[in-house]
Amino acid sequence: MVPQEIQATVERLLEIGPLVTDFIRDELEPVIEYWTSLLKKQRLLHLIDTGSVLVLGDIHGDYLQLRRAFHYFDTEAIDYIIIAGDLIDRGPEMIECLEYVMSRQIMDPEHVIFLRGNHELKAINEMYGFRGYCTGIYGSAIYDKFAAAFQQLPLAALVGDWALICHGGIPNGHLSLREMRISLKPKEPEEGTYAQMLWNDPDPAIENFGPSMRGQHYYRFGGTVFNQFMDHYGLKYLIRAHQAFPEGYRWMFDNRLLSLFSSKAGPYMNINPHFALLINGEIQLIAAENIEFNY
C-alpha cells in the first residue's frame, strides 16, 4: 500500500508529465526513498513466470517514445513492461523519463520493471549529462538519491524458461543464473561478470570472445560462445539493448539474439525506434512510430 503522501506526489508527477521542474527537492526526496525501498526487494535476476512482456531498448531521455511504449502497454493490456537500461543521459528529457518510470513503478511494482544499463552507473552519467542536469534542477542531494536507487536495479530478467533480457550481453567468465537470484547487487561494477552484462556486445564476425572498444574490462562475444551459453540454460532468445542500429533493432546469431534501440533523442534522431513484445514464446517487433499517442 503506497503511503498517502507518496501517492499524492506520484499522481502529480504522472499528471504533469514533462513539467517536472515544478517540483522541489523536499517533495521528491521521500518519493525517491520509497522507490528505492521497493527496488531493494527485487533480486539481481528478476523472474517473470508467464504472460506478455513489452521490452524497451535504450530510451536516453526520449519522453515521447517512452510514453508511446506505456500507452501500448496500457491499451493493449500487456502484463509486464521492461526498460532494458539506459533510460537517462544524452536526451533532453532524461529527468522526465526517469520520474515517469519511477512513478509508474511505485504504482505498479509487480508489472513495471526497470533494469540497469551502463548509463545508470555514476561514472557514466556524471559524463553524459544526467548528473549536471539533475543537480542543476534539484541540487546534488537528489542526484545522490537517484544514484543510490540505481544501485538497487536488477541487472537482468528471465521470462519463463525461454528469454533472458539484459542491457549488454553474456559475460566472459562464469555466470550462474541461480546465483544471481541470491547475489548482492553490485553498487558500481567496473569489471567482472556483472559489469560485462552491462557493457558486452555481440559480434557475428567472431566466434569466441574478443577485445571491445568500450574498454579493457569488456568484450565482444561471437556465435560459438553465445550458442554455448544459450544451450546451457535452454534459452530460446536473448534480448538486449546498448547499441544504436539505424533500423532500431537487429537480429543476430540465427535470430536467437535481438538487439533493441528505442530512442530518437539527442544524437539518435535518425534511428527508427522499436520495442519488442514477448508473447507465447515468440517475439513481435513494434515500431514506435506506429503507436498513435500525443501528450
C-alpha atoms as a PDB file:
ATOM      1  CA  MET A   1       0.000   0.000   0.000  1.00  0.00           C
ATOM      2  CA  VAL A   2       1.579   3.281  -1.126  1.00  0.00           C
ATOM      3  CA  PRO A   3       1.623   5.893   1.673  1.00  0.00           C
ATOM      4  CA  GLN A   4      -0.898   8.631   1.015  1.00  0.00           C
ATOM      5  CA  GLU A   5       1.611  11.473   0.808  1.00  0.00           C
ATOM      6  CA  ILE A   6       3.815   9.491  -1.615  1.00  0.00           C
ATOM      7  CA  GLN A   7       0.850   8.591  -3.780  1.00  0.00           C
ATOM      8  CA  ALA A   8      -0.260  12.217  -3.956  1.00  0.00           C
ATOM      9  CA  THR A   9       3.146  13.351  -5.249  1.00  0.00           C
ATOM     10  CA  VAL A  10       3.357  10.444  -7.689  1.00  0.00           C
ATOM     11  CA  GLU A  11      -0.095  11.229  -9.081  1.00  0.00           C
ATOM     12  CA  ARG A  12       1.008  14.827  -9.638  1.00  0.00           C
ATOM     13  CA  LEU A  13       4.166  13.651 -11.411  1.00  0.00           C
ATOM     14  CA  LEU A  14       2.132  11.433 -13.715  1.00  0.00           C
ATOM     15  CA  GLU A  15      -0.378  14.184 -14.368  1.00  0.00           C
ATOM     16  CA  ILE A  16       2.007  16.993 -15.292  1.00  0.00           C
ATOM     17  CA  GLY A  17       4.317  14.821 -17.375  1.00  0.00           C
ATOM     18  CA  PRO A  18       7.141  16.906 -18.818  1.00  0.00           C
ATOM     19  CA  LEU A  19       6.778  19.796 -16.359  1.00  0.00           C
ATOM     20  CA  VAL A  20       8.918  18.192 -13.665  1.00  0.00           C
ATOM     21  CA  THR A  21      10.760  21.419 -12.914  1.00  0.00           C
ATOM     22  CA  ASP A  22       7.650  22.433 -10.946  1.00  0.00           C
ATOM     23  CA  PHE A  23       8.769  20.051  -8.205  1.00  0.00           C
ATOM     24  CA  ILE A  24      11.204  20.902  -5.446  1.00  0.00           C
ATOM     25  CA  ARG A  25      13.745  18.767  -3.657  1.00  0.00           C
ATOM     26  CA  ASP A  26      11.712  18.341  -0.481  1.00  0.00           C
ATOM     27  CA  GLU A  27       8.824  16.871  -2.486  1.00  0.00           C
ATOM     28  CA  LEU A  28      10.990  14.402  -4.397  1.00  0.00           C
ATOM     29  CA  GLU A  29      13.255  13.066  -1.648  1.00  0.00           C
ATOM     30  CA  PRO A  30      10.628  10.903   0.102  1.00  0.00           C
ATOM     31  CA  VAL A  31       9.358   9.601  -3.249  1.00  0.00           C
ATOM     32  CA  ILE A  32      12.837   8.511  -4.366  1.00  0.00           C
ATOM     33  CA  GLU A  33      13.484   6.934  -0.979  1.00  0.00           C
ATOM     34  CA  TYR A  34      10.225   4.994  -1.185  1.00  0.00           C
ATOM     35  CA  TRP A  35      11.045   3.889  -4.744  1.00  0.00           C
ATOM     36  CA  THR A  36      14.481   2.730  -3.572  1.00  0.00           C
ATOM     37  CA  SER A  37      12.864   0.662  -0.821  1.00  0.00           C
ATOM     38  CA  LEU A  38      10.761  -1.120  -3.462  1.00  0.00           C
ATOM     39  CA  LEU A  39      13.802  -1.776  -5.664  1.00  0.00           C
ATOM     40  CA  LYS A  40      15.691  -3.301  -2.731  1.00  0.00           C
ATOM     41  CA  LYS A  41      13.100  -6.082  -2.627  1.00  0.00           C
ATOM     42  CA  GLN A  42      13.868  -7.115  -6.200  1.00  0.00           C
ATOM     43  CA  ARG A  43      16.545  -9.693  -6.930  1.00  0.00           C
ATOM     44  CA  LEU A  44      19.541  -9.181  -9.195  1.00  0.00           C
ATOM     45  CA  LEU A  45      17.786 -11.508 -11.660  1.00  0.00           C
ATOM     46  CA  HIS A  46      14.091 -10.671 -11.917  1.00  0.00           C
ATOM     47  CA  LEU A  47      11.821 -13.627 -12.703  1.00  0.00           C
ATOM     48  CA  ILE A  48       8.648 -13.404 -14.772  1.00  0.00           C
ATOM     49  CA  ASP A  49       6.848 -16.727 -14.858  1.00  0.00           C
ATOM     50  CA  THR A  50       4.316 -16.157 -17.616  1.00  0.00           C
ATOM     51  CA  GLY A  51       2.384 -13.503 -19.511  1.00  0.00           C
ATOM     52  CA  SER A  52       3.036 -10.969 -22.258  1.00  0.00           C
ATOM     53  CA  VAL A  53       6.052  -8.679 -21.900  1.00  0.00           C
ATOM     54  CA  LEU A  54       6.848  -5.402 -23.693  1.00  0.00           C
ATOM     55  CA  VAL A  55      10.604  -4.718 -23.807  1.00  0.00           C
ATOM     56  CA  LEU A  56      12.205  -1.316 -24.450  1.00  0.00           C
ATOM     57  CA  GLY A  57      15.791  -0.729 -25.506  1.00  0.00           C
ATOM     58  CA  ASP A  58      17.723   2.455 -24.736  1.00  0.00           C
ATOM     59  CA  ILE A  59      15.438   5.457 -24.185  1.00  0.00           C
ATOM     60  CA  HIS A  60      18.081   8.105 -23.403  1.00  0.00           C
ATOM     61  CA  GLY A  61      15.718  10.873 -22.423  1.00  0.00           C
ATOM     62  CA  ASP A  62      13.220  10.401 -25.254  1.00  0.00           C
ATOM     63  CA  TYR A  63       9.982  11.083 -23.394  1.00  0.00           C
ATOM     64  CA  LEU A  64       7.760  10.647 -26.461  1.00  0.00           C
ATOM     65  CA  GLN A  65       8.970   7.101 -27.198  1.00  0.00           C
ATOM     66  CA  LEU A  66       8.691   6.188 -23.527  1.00  0.00           C
ATOM     67  CA  ARG A  67       5.102   7.399 -23.359  1.00  0.00           C
ATOM     68  CA  ARG A  68       4.269   5.599 -26.598  1.00  0.00           C
ATOM     69  CA  ALA A  69       5.520   2.373 -25.061  1.00  0.00           C
ATOM     70  CA  PHE A  70       3.492   2.833 -21.886  1.00  0.00           C
ATOM     71  CA  HIS A  71       0.440   3.792 -23.936  1.00  0.00           C
ATOM     72  CA  TYR A  72       0.754   0.487 -25.802  1.00  0.00           C
ATOM     73  CA  PHE A  73       1.317  -1.353 -22.518  1.00  0.00           C
ATOM     74  CA  ASP A  74      -1.843   0.184 -21.052  1.00  0.00           C
ATOM     75  CA  THR A  75      -4.192  -0.003 -24.019  1.00  0.00           C
ATOM     76  CA  GLU A  76      -3.190  -3.475 -25.200  1.00  0.00           C
ATOM     77  CA  ALA A  77      -3.387  -4.921 -21.667  1.00  0.00           C
ATOM     78  CA  ILE A  78       0.205  -6.184 -21.709  1.00  0.00           C
ATOM     79  CA  ASP A  79       1.142  -7.982 -18.489  1.00  0.00           C
ATOM     80  CA  TYR A  80       4.654  -6.572 -17.988  1.00  0.00           C
ATOM     81  CA  ILE A  81       6.821  -3.768 -19.328  1.00  0.00           C
ATOM     82  CA  ILE A  82      10.629  -3.890 -19.058  1.00  0.00           C
ATOM     83  CA  ILE A  83      13.010  -0.990 -19.658  1.00  0.00           C
ATOM     84  CA  ALA A  84      16.321  -2.663 -20.512  1.00  0.00           C
ATOM     85  CA  GLY A  85      18.566   0.107 -19.168  1.00  0.00           C
ATOM     86  CA  ASP A  86      19.895   3.497 -20.325  1.00  0.00           C
ATOM     87  CA  LEU A  87      16.766   5.450 -19.531  1.00  0.00           C
ATOM     88  CA  ILE A  88      18.858   8.569 -18.854  1.00  0.00           C
ATOM     89  CA  ASP A  89      21.668  10.661 -20.432  1.00  0.00           C
ATOM     90  CA  ARG A  90      22.069  12.219 -23.860  1.00  0.00           C
ATOM     91  CA  GLY A  91      18.406  13.116 -24.488  1.00  0.00           C
ATOM     92  CA  PRO A  92      16.797  16.377 -23.305  1.00  0.00           C
ATOM     93  CA  GLU A  93      14.025  14.819 -21.174  1.00  0.00           C
ATOM     94  CA  MET A  94      16.043  12.388 -19.078  1.00  0.00           C
ATOM     95  CA  ILE A  95      14.608  13.663 -15.775  1.00  0.00           C
ATOM     96  CA  GLU A  96      11.079  13.457 -17.154  1.00  0.00           C
ATOM     97  CA  CYS A  97      11.655   9.877 -18.312  1.00  0.00           C
ATOM     98  CA  LEU A  98      13.163   8.830 -15.012  1.00  0.00           C
ATOM     99  CA  GLU A  99      10.436  10.345 -12.884  1.00  0.00           C
ATOM    100  CA  TYR A 100       7.726   8.855 -15.095  1.00  0.00           C
ATOM    101  CA  VAL A 101       9.177   5.341 -14.811  1.00  0.00           C
ATOM    102  CA  MET A 102       9.754   5.794 -11.070  1.00  0.00           C
ATOM    103  CA  SER A 103       6.147   6.889 -10.621  1.00  0.00           C
ATOM    104  CA  ARG A 104       4.714   4.053 -12.701  1.00  0.00           C
ATOM    105  CA  GLN A 105       6.835   1.556 -10.839  1.00  0.00           C
ATOM    106  CA  ILE A 106       5.698   2.861  -7.452  1.00  0.00           C
ATOM    107  CA  MET A 107       2.073   2.476  -8.547  1.00  0.00           C
ATOM    108  CA  ASP A 108       2.622  -0.971 -10.081  1.00  0.00           C
ATOM    109  CA  PRO A 109       5.891  -2.520  -8.869  1.00  0.00           C
ATOM    110  CA  GLU A 110       4.949  -6.050  -9.924  1.00  0.00           C
ATOM    111  CA  HIS A 111       4.499  -5.259 -13.603  1.00  0.00           C
ATOM    112  CA  VAL A 112       6.802  -2.300 -14.358  1.00  0.00           C
ATOM    113  CA  ILE A 113      10.427  -3.454 -14.402  1.00  0.00           C
ATOM    114  CA  PHE A 114      13.487  -1.233 -14.839  1.00  0.00           C
ATOM    115  CA  LEU A 115      16.814  -2.973 -15.499  1.00  0.00           C
ATOM    116  CA  ARG A 116      20.152  -1.286 -15.002  1.00  0.00           C
ATOM    117  CA  GLY A 117      22.153  -0.142 -18.006  1.00  0.00           C
ATOM    118  CA  ASN A 118      25.686   1.196 -18.130  1.00  0.00           C
ATOM    119  CA  HIS A 119      24.326   4.768 -18.011  1.00  0.00           C
ATOM    120  CA  GLU A 120      22.791   4.005 -14.635  1.00  0.00           C
ATOM    121  CA  LEU A 121      26.389   3.880 -13.374  1.00  0.00           C
ATOM    122  CA  LYS A 122      27.703   7.032 -11.689  1.00  0.00           C
ATOM    123  CA  ALA A 123      30.951   7.046 -13.679  1.00  0.00           C
ATOM    124  CA  ILE A 124      28.953   7.242 -16.914  1.00  0.00           C
ATOM    125  CA  ASN A 125      26.051   9.548 -16.069  1.00  0.00           C
ATOM    126  CA  GLU A 126      28.472  12.007 -14.489  1.00  0.00           C
ATOM    127  CA  MET A 127      29.931  12.451 -18.003  1.00  0.00           C
ATOM    128  CA  TYR A 128      26.913  12.174 -20.294  1.00  0.00           C
ATOM    129  CA  GLY A 129      24.519  14.695 -18.844  1.00  0.00           C
ATOM    130  CA  PHE A 130      22.380  13.278 -16.073  1.00  0.00           C
ATOM    131  CA  ARG A 131      24.377  14.492 -13.096  1.00  0.00           C
ATOM    132  CA  GLY A 132      24.730  18.030 -14.410  1.00  0.00           C
ATOM    133  CA  TYR A 133      21.090  18.276 -15.439  1.00  0.00           C
ATOM    134  CA  CYS A 134      19.792  16.754 -12.222  1.00  0.00           C
ATOM    135  CA  THR A 135      21.919  18.884  -9.922  1.00  0.00           C
ATOM    136  CA  GLY A 136      21.108  21.977 -11.975  1.00  0.00           C
ATOM    137  CA  ILE A 137      17.374  21.469 -11.388  1.00  0.00           C
ATOM    138  CA  TYR A 138      17.240  19.887  -7.936  1.00  0.00           C
ATOM    139  CA  GLY A 139      20.704  20.022  -6.353  1.00  0.00           C
ATOM    140  CA  SER A 140      23.272  17.331  -5.600  1.00  0.00           C
ATOM    141  CA  ALA A 141      21.214  15.682  -2.835  1.00  0.00           C
ATOM    142  CA  ILE A 142      18.579  14.493  -5.333  1.00  0.00           C
ATOM    143  CA  TYR A 143      21.266  13.221  -7.689  1.00  0.00           C
ATOM    144  CA  ASP A 144      22.734  11.195  -4.820  1.00  0.00           C
ATOM    145  CA  LYS A 145      19.282   9.760  -4.055  1.00  0.00           C
ATOM    146  CA  PHE A 146      18.791   8.687  -7.665  1.00  0.00           C
ATOM    147  CA  ALA A 147      22.312   7.211  -7.815  1.00  0.00           C
ATOM    148  CA  ALA A 148      21.538   5.139  -4.714  1.00  0.00           C
ATOM    149  CA  ALA A 149      18.300   3.939  -6.329  1.00  0.00           C
ATOM    150  CA  PHE A 150      20.153   2.859  -9.482  1.00  0.00           C
ATOM    151  CA  GLN A 151      22.349   0.608  -7.341  1.00  0.00           C
ATOM    152  CA  GLN A 152      19.233  -1.389  -6.445  1.00  0.00           C
ATOM    153  CA  LEU A 153      18.087  -2.040 -10.025  1.00  0.00           C
ATOM    154  CA  PRO A 154      18.114  -5.640 -11.306  1.00  0.00           C
ATOM    155  CA  LEU A 155      20.682  -6.494 -13.977  1.00  0.00           C
ATOM    156  CA  ALA A 156      18.558  -8.985 -15.907  1.00  0.00           C
ATOM    157  CA  ALA A 157      15.115 -10.517 -16.248  1.00  0.00           C
ATOM    158  CA  LEU A 158      14.214 -14.093 -17.116  1.00  0.00           C
ATOM    159  CA  VAL A 159      10.882 -14.638 -18.847  1.00  0.00           C
ATOM    160  CA  GLY A 160       9.650 -18.160 -18.205  1.00  0.00           C
ATOM    161  CA  ASP A 161      12.434 -20.508 -19.179  1.00  0.00           C
ATOM    162  CA  TRP A 162      12.914 -19.156 -22.682  1.00  0.00           C
ATOM    163  CA  ALA A 163      14.035 -15.497 -22.792  1.00  0.00           C
ATOM    164  CA  LEU A 164      16.767 -13.590 -20.962  1.00  0.00           C
ATOM    165  CA  ILE A 165      16.801  -9.787 -21.022  1.00  0.00           C
ATOM    166  CA  CYS A 166      19.767  -7.606 -20.047  1.00  0.00           C
ATOM    167  CA  HIS A 167      21.348  -4.383 -21.222  1.00  0.00           C
ATOM    168  CA  GLY A 168      24.644  -5.596 -22.662  1.00  0.00           C
ATOM    169  CA  GLY A 169      25.240  -9.292 -23.146  1.00  0.00           C
ATOM    170  CA  ILE A 170      26.782 -12.517 -21.967  1.00  0.00           C
ATOM    171  CA  PRO A 171      29.979 -12.242 -19.887  1.00  0.00           C
ATOM    172  CA  ASN A 172      33.373 -13.794 -20.477  1.00  0.00           C
ATOM    173  CA  GLY A 173      33.528 -15.911 -17.353  1.00  0.00           C
ATOM    174  CA  HIS A 174      31.326 -17.868 -15.011  1.00  0.00           C
ATOM    175  CA  LEU A 175      27.708 -16.780 -14.798  1.00  0.00           C
ATOM    176  CA  SER A 176      25.117 -18.680 -12.814  1.00  0.00           C
ATOM    177  CA  LEU A 177      21.521 -17.567 -13.182  1.00  0.00           C
ATOM    178  CA  ARG A 178      20.793 -19.445  -9.965  1.00  0.00           C
ATOM    179  CA  GLU A 179      23.467 -17.471  -8.116  1.00  0.00           C
ATOM    180  CA  MET A 180      22.066 -14.222  -9.476  1.00  0.00           C
ATOM    181  CA  ARG A 181      18.882 -14.949  -7.515  1.00  0.00           C
ATOM    182  CA  ILE A 182      20.815 -14.789  -4.233  1.00  0.00           C
ATOM    183  CA  SER A 183      23.727 -12.469  -5.071  1.00  0.00           C
ATOM    184  CA  LEU A 184      24.027  -8.990  -3.635  1.00  0.00           C
ATOM    185  CA  LYS A 185      23.583  -6.187  -6.123  1.00  0.00           C
ATOM    186  CA  PRO A 186      26.901  -4.611  -7.124  1.00  0.00           C
ATOM    187  CA  LYS A 187      26.963  -0.903  -6.302  1.00  0.00           C
ATOM    188  CA  GLU A 188      29.071   0.459  -9.160  1.00  0.00           C
ATOM    189  CA  PRO A 189      30.531  -2.506 -11.078  1.00  0.00           C
ATOM    190  CA  GLU A 190      33.535  -1.571 -13.208  1.00  0.00           C
ATOM    191  CA  GLU A 191      34.793  -5.042 -14.120  1.00  0.00           C
ATOM    192  CA  GLY A 192      33.868  -8.686 -13.786  1.00  0.00           C
ATOM    193  CA  THR A 193      30.810 -10.719 -14.738  1.00  0.00           C
ATOM    194  CA  TYR A 194      28.102  -8.264 -13.752  1.00  0.00           C
ATOM    195  CA  ALA A 195      29.855  -5.267 -15.291  1.00  0.00           C
ATOM    196  CA  GLN A 196      30.159  -7.170 -18.557  1.00  0.00           C
ATOM    197  CA  MET A 197      26.401  -7.813 -18.583  1.00  0.00           C
ATOM    198  CA  LEU A 198      26.060  -4.028 -18.844  1.00  0.00           C
ATOM    199  CA  TRP A 199      28.779  -3.488 -21.451  1.00  0.00           C
ATOM    200  CA  ASN A 200      29.471  -6.519 -23.691  1.00  0.00           C
ATOM    201  CA  ASP A 201      28.366  -6.503 -27.341  1.00  0.00           C
ATOM    202  CA  PRO A 202      27.581  -9.268 -29.844  1.00  0.00           C
ATOM    203  CA  ASP A 203      29.748  -9.574 -32.943  1.00  0.00           C
ATOM    204  CA  PRO A 204      28.746 -12.064 -35.665  1.00  0.00           C
ATOM    205  CA  ALA A 205      32.213 -11.698 -37.226  1.00  0.00           C
ATOM    206  CA  ILE A 206      33.903 -13.638 -34.403  1.00  0.00           C
ATOM    207  CA  GLU A 207      33.290 -16.999 -32.745  1.00  0.00           C
ATOM    208  CA  ASN A 208      34.539 -16.547 -29.203  1.00  0.00           C
ATOM    209  CA  PHE A 209      35.311 -13.502 -27.048  1.00  0.00           C
ATOM    210  CA  GLY A 210      37.321 -10.598 -28.401  1.00  0.00           C
ATOM    211  CA  PRO A 211      38.503  -7.193 -27.168  1.00  0.00           C
ATOM    212  CA  SER A 212      35.996  -4.347 -27.049  1.00  0.00           C
ATOM    213  CA  MET A 213      36.448  -0.717 -27.953  1.00  0.00           C
ATOM    214  CA  ARG A 214      34.388   0.073 -24.831  1.00  0.00           C
ATOM    215  CA  GLY A 215      37.311  -0.686 -22.518  1.00  0.00           C
ATOM    216  CA  GLN A 216      39.812  -3.265 -21.339  1.00  0.00           C
ATOM    217  CA  HIS A 217      37.362  -4.940 -18.940  1.00  0.00           C
ATOM    218  CA  TYR A 218      34.703  -5.609 -21.590  1.00  0.00           C
ATOM    219  CA  TYR A 219      34.312  -7.931 -24.585  1.00  0.00           C
ATOM    220  CA  ARG A 220      32.658  -8.664 -27.871  1.00  0.00           C
ATOM    221  CA  PHE A 221      31.117 -12.132 -27.999  1.00  0.00           C
ATOM    222  CA  GLY A 222      30.681 -14.326 -31.043  1.00  0.00           C
ATOM    223  CA  GLY A 223      28.318 -17.046 -32.177  1.00  0.00           C
ATOM    224  CA  THR A 224      30.066 -20.068 -30.673  1.00  0.00           C
ATOM    225  CA  VAL A 225      30.205 -18.781 -27.098  1.00  0.00           C
ATOM    226  CA  PHE A 226      26.746 -17.271 -27.427  1.00  0.00           C
ATOM    227  CA  ASN A 227      25.179 -20.547 -28.520  1.00  0.00           C
ATOM    228  CA  GLN A 228      27.014 -22.414 -25.781  1.00  0.00           C
ATOM    229  CA  PHE A 229      25.569 -20.038 -23.200  1.00  0.00           C
ATOM    230  CA  MET A 230      22.047 -20.255 -24.617  1.00  0.00           C
ATOM    231  CA  ASP A 231      22.109 -24.035 -24.917  1.00  0.00           C
ATOM    232  CA  HIS A 232      23.480 -24.435 -21.399  1.00  0.00           C
ATOM    233  CA  TYR A 233      20.449 -22.631 -19.971  1.00  0.00           C
ATOM    234  CA  GLY A 234      17.972 -23.926 -22.532  1.00  0.00           C
ATOM    235  CA  LEU A 235      17.134 -20.399 -23.673  1.00  0.00           C
ATOM    236  CA  LYS A 236      15.429 -19.529 -26.927  1.00  0.00           C
ATOM    237  CA  TYR A 237      16.177 -15.786 -27.026  1.00  0.00           C
ATOM    238  CA  LEU A 238      18.434 -13.131 -25.565  1.00  0.00           C
ATOM    239  CA  ILE A 239      17.002  -9.596 -25.792  1.00  0.00           C
ATOM    240  CA  ARG A 240      19.416  -6.737 -25.144  1.00  0.00           C
ATOM    241  CA  ALA A 241      19.934  -3.029 -25.872  1.00  0.00           C
ATOM    242  CA  HIS A 242      23.134  -0.934 -25.755  1.00  0.00           C
ATOM    243  CA  GLN A 243      23.738  -0.404 -29.499  1.00  0.00           C
ATOM    244  CA  ALA A 244      22.088   2.140 -31.800  1.00  0.00           C
ATOM    245  CA  PHE A 245      21.208   0.407 -35.060  1.00  0.00           C
ATOM    246  CA  PRO A 246      19.508   2.683 -37.629  1.00  0.00           C
ATOM    247  CA  GLU A 247      16.536   0.341 -38.011  1.00  0.00           C
ATOM    248  CA  GLY A 248      16.021   0.330 -34.225  1.00  0.00           C
ATOM    249  CA  TYR A 249      16.687  -3.381 -33.894  1.00  0.00           C
ATOM    250  CA  ARG A 250      18.924  -6.116 -35.235  1.00  0.00           C
ATOM    251  CA  TRP A 251      18.701  -9.893 -35.171  1.00  0.00           C
ATOM    252  CA  MET A 252      21.914 -11.885 -34.786  1.00  0.00           C
ATOM    253  CA  PHE A 253      23.099 -15.443 -34.318  1.00  0.00           C
ATOM    254  CA  ASP A 254      20.364 -17.207 -36.300  1.00  0.00           C
ATOM    255  CA  ASN A 255      17.693 -14.943 -34.790  1.00  0.00           C
ATOM    256  CA  ARG A 256      18.423 -16.032 -31.221  1.00  0.00           C
ATOM    257  CA  LEU A 257      19.669 -12.575 -30.178  1.00  0.00           C
ATOM    258  CA  LEU A 258      17.609  -9.411 -30.615  1.00  0.00           C
ATOM    259  CA  SER A 259      19.237  -6.032 -30.033  1.00  0.00           C
ATOM    260  CA  LEU A 260      16.763  -3.186 -29.449  1.00  0.00           C
ATOM    261  CA  PHE A 261      17.068   0.587 -29.531  1.00  0.00           C
ATOM    262  CA  SER A 262      14.080   2.757 -28.610  1.00  0.00           C
ATOM    263  CA  SER A 263      15.219   6.385 -28.819  1.00  0.00           C
ATOM    264  CA  LYS A 264      15.324   9.231 -31.320  1.00  0.00           C
ATOM    265  CA  ALA A 265      16.669  11.739 -28.798  1.00  0.00           C
ATOM    266  CA  GLY A 266      19.902  13.714 -28.978  1.00  0.00           C
ATOM    267  CA  PRO A 267      22.360  12.026 -31.360  1.00  0.00           C
ATOM    268  CA  TYR A 268      19.828   9.349 -32.343  1.00  0.00           C
ATOM    269  CA  MET A 269      17.479  11.430 -34.496  1.00  0.00           C
ATOM    270  CA  ASN A 270      17.952   9.098 -37.493  1.00  0.00           C
ATOM    271  CA  ILE A 271      17.060   5.941 -35.571  1.00  0.00           C
ATOM    272  CA  ASN A 272      13.722   4.188 -36.144  1.00  0.00           C
ATOM    273  CA  PRO A 273      12.865   3.213 -32.529  1.00  0.00           C
ATOM    274  CA  HIS A 274      11.400  -0.224 -31.881  1.00  0.00           C
ATOM    275  CA  PHE A 275      10.010  -2.191 -28.959  1.00  0.00           C
ATOM    276  CA  ALA A 276       9.588  -5.952 -28.665  1.00  0.00           C
ATOM    277  CA  LEU A 277       6.530  -7.857 -27.498  1.00  0.00           C
ATOM    278  CA  LEU A 278       7.269 -11.254 -25.992  1.00  0.00           C
ATOM    279  CA  ILE A 279       4.207 -13.472 -26.081  1.00  0.00           C
ATOM    280  CA  ASN A 280       3.640 -17.231 -26.243  1.00  0.00           C
ATOM    281  CA  GLY A 281       7.323 -17.970 -26.660  1.00  0.00           C
ATOM    282  CA  GLU A 282       7.766 -15.666 -29.647  1.00  0.00           C
ATOM    283  CA  ILE A 283       8.844 -12.065 -30.314  1.00  0.00           C
ATOM    284  CA  GLN A 284       6.912  -9.434 -32.245  1.00  0.00           C
ATOM    285  CA  LEU A 285       8.680  -6.206 -33.221  1.00  0.00           C
ATOM    286  CA  ILE A 286       6.732  -2.962 -32.800  1.00  0.00           C
ATOM    287  CA  ALA A 287       7.748   0.284 -34.499  1.00  0.00           C
ATOM    288  CA  ALA A 288       7.269   3.174 -32.081  1.00  0.00           C
ATOM    289  CA  GLU A 289       6.059   5.450 -34.874  1.00  0.00           C
ATOM    290  CA  ASN A 290       3.075   3.141 -35.433  1.00  0.00           C
ATOM    291  CA  ILE A 291       1.760   3.776 -31.913  1.00  0.00           C
ATOM    292  CA  GLU A 292      -0.554   6.765 -32.027  1.00  0.00           C
ATOM    293  CA  PHE A 293      -0.007   8.878 -28.942  1.00  0.00           C
ATOM    294  CA  ASN A 294       0.208  12.599 -28.214  1.00  0.00           C
ATOM    295  CA  TYR A 295       0.999  14.057 -24.816  1.00  0.00           C
END
